[in-house]
Amino acid sequence: QMQLVESGGGLVQPGGSLRLSCLVSGVTSDLDYYAIGWYRQAPGKEREGISCISGRGGATFHKVSLKDRIAISRDNAKKTVYLQINNLEPGDTAVYYCTAGSILRATQDCRNMDVWGEGTLVTVSS
């Protein structure tokens, strides 16, 4: 059974950067068959999708308001997907979740996903 484990969160000062990682395990087929996305949920707000990458990494999606500050990448051999966030702002404080879904069902912006990690907390504060 597929499992996702996020890491890399923590306390960061405004203007700093973080790279979050999502390690995928329990996959019997190639990870190429899964789109991977990142969502976040800020305190008191709904979970929102912020980035998505296709099975082989050839296509990516970013939330428009974040596209200049984030980058998503994947290393299928390492079964890991990364989210780089630059110039962090207090408004980026949230729990960041990794999610995976079959490329046959996932949308370009990573909806219709099948598996979720438990999240990693990012706190942006001076």
Foldseek 3Di string as FASTA:
>chain_A
DKAKAKDWADEAAAQAKTKMKIAIDDDPDQQLQKKKFKWWDAVPGDIGTAKIAHSVRPAMDGDPVQVVFWDWDDDRVRRMIMIMGGRDDQVPFTWMKMFMAGNVPADRRGDPTDYIHPTDTHGYHD
